[in-house]
Amino acid sequence: MKKKIALTEIIETAKKVDANQFAKYLDENKIGWTMLDCNIMDYNDGDFNITLDAYKDENVYFLDGQYFEN
């Protein structure tokens, strides 16, 4: 069984990458997320607002590809 990635590690990754790279990171690590608001053609264009399913719906927000603290 694969160990669950800590939320702090996920947030640290978000701070280091853009929204497109973050979505890819989540998918590659099989971290479920729910889209609240985004441009589905380019996550780096405008809002990329998601919740992390297995992390009590923790909100993660990017604007124009840049992570914003909640």
Protein backbone atom coordinates (compact mmCIF):
# COMPACT_ATOMS: atom_id res chain seq x y z
CA MET A 1 0.00 0.00 0.00
CA LYS A 2 1.35 3.41 -0.99
CA LYS A 3 1.83 5.93 1.82
CA LYS A 4 -0.42 8.99 1.67
CA ILE A 5 1.47 12.17 0.81
CA ALA A 6 1.34 14.74 3.61
CA LEU A 7 -0.72 17.87 2.96
CA THR A 8 2.28 20.02 3.85
CA GLU A 9 4.28 18.35 1.07
CA ILE A 10 1.48 18.96 -1.42
CA ILE A 11 1.29 22.65 -0.47
CA GLU A 12 5.09 23.02 -0.68
CA THR A 13 4.92 21.59 -4.20
CA ALA A 14 2.15 24.05 -5.10
CA LYS A 15 4.40 26.92 -4.05
CA LYS A 16 7.18 25.75 -6.38
CA VAL A 17 5.26 25.07 -9.60
CA ASP A 18 2.62 26.68 -11.79
CA ALA A 19 -1.01 25.55 -11.93
CA ASN A 20 -0.52 23.27 -14.97
CA GLN A 21 2.44 21.54 -13.33
CA PHE A 22 0.54 21.21 -10.06
CA ALA A 23 -2.43 19.49 -11.72
CA LYS A 24 0.01 17.10 -13.39
CA TYR A 25 1.70 16.43 -10.01
CA LEU A 26 -1.66 15.62 -8.42
CA ASP A 27 -2.64 13.29 -11.25
CA GLU A 28 0.72 11.50 -11.32
CA ASN A 29 0.49 10.90 -7.56
CA LYS A 30 -3.16 9.83 -7.78
CA ILE A 31 -4.31 12.64 -5.50
CA GLY A 32 -7.99 13.24 -6.15
CA TRP A 33 -9.08 16.82 -6.67
CA THR A 34 -12.27 18.65 -7.51
CA MET A 35 -12.36 21.63 -9.83
CA LEU A 36 -14.25 24.66 -8.49
CA ASP A 37 -13.22 27.32 -11.00
CA CYS A 38 -10.69 27.24 -13.81
CA ASN A 39 -10.00 27.62 -17.50
CA ILE A 40 -10.01 24.00 -18.66
CA MET A 41 -7.93 24.93 -21.71
CA ASP A 42 -5.06 26.38 -19.61
CA TYR A 43 -4.98 26.20 -15.82
CA ASN A 44 -2.43 29.06 -15.83
CA ASP A 45 -4.96 31.46 -17.35
CA GLY A 46 -7.03 33.13 -14.64
CA ASP A 47 -8.34 31.24 -11.61
CA PHE A 48 -7.38 27.64 -10.82
CA ASN A 49 -9.39 26.94 -7.69
CA ILE A 50 -9.62 23.31 -6.52
CA THR A 51 -10.18 21.18 -3.43
CA LEU A 52 -8.22 18.08 -2.47
CA ASP A 53 -10.69 15.23 -1.98
CA ALA A 54 -8.82 13.09 0.56
CA TYR A 55 -7.61 16.08 2.58
CA LYS A 56 -10.92 17.29 4.04
CA ASP A 57 -11.53 19.27 0.83
CA GLU A 58 -8.52 21.51 1.47
CA ASN A 59 -8.74 24.46 -0.89
CA VAL A 60 -5.82 25.23 -3.23
CA TYR A 61 -5.89 28.41 -5.29
CA PHE A 62 -3.74 29.72 -8.14
CA LEU A 63 -4.18 32.96 -10.07
CA ASP A 64 -2.58 33.20 -13.50
CA GLY A 65 -0.46 30.16 -12.65
CA GLN A 66 0.82 31.47 -9.30
CA TYR A 67 -0.09 29.82 -5.99
CA PHE A 68 -1.89 32.01 -3.43
CA GLU A 69 -1.94 31.32 0.31
CA ASN A 70 -5.42 30.87 1.77
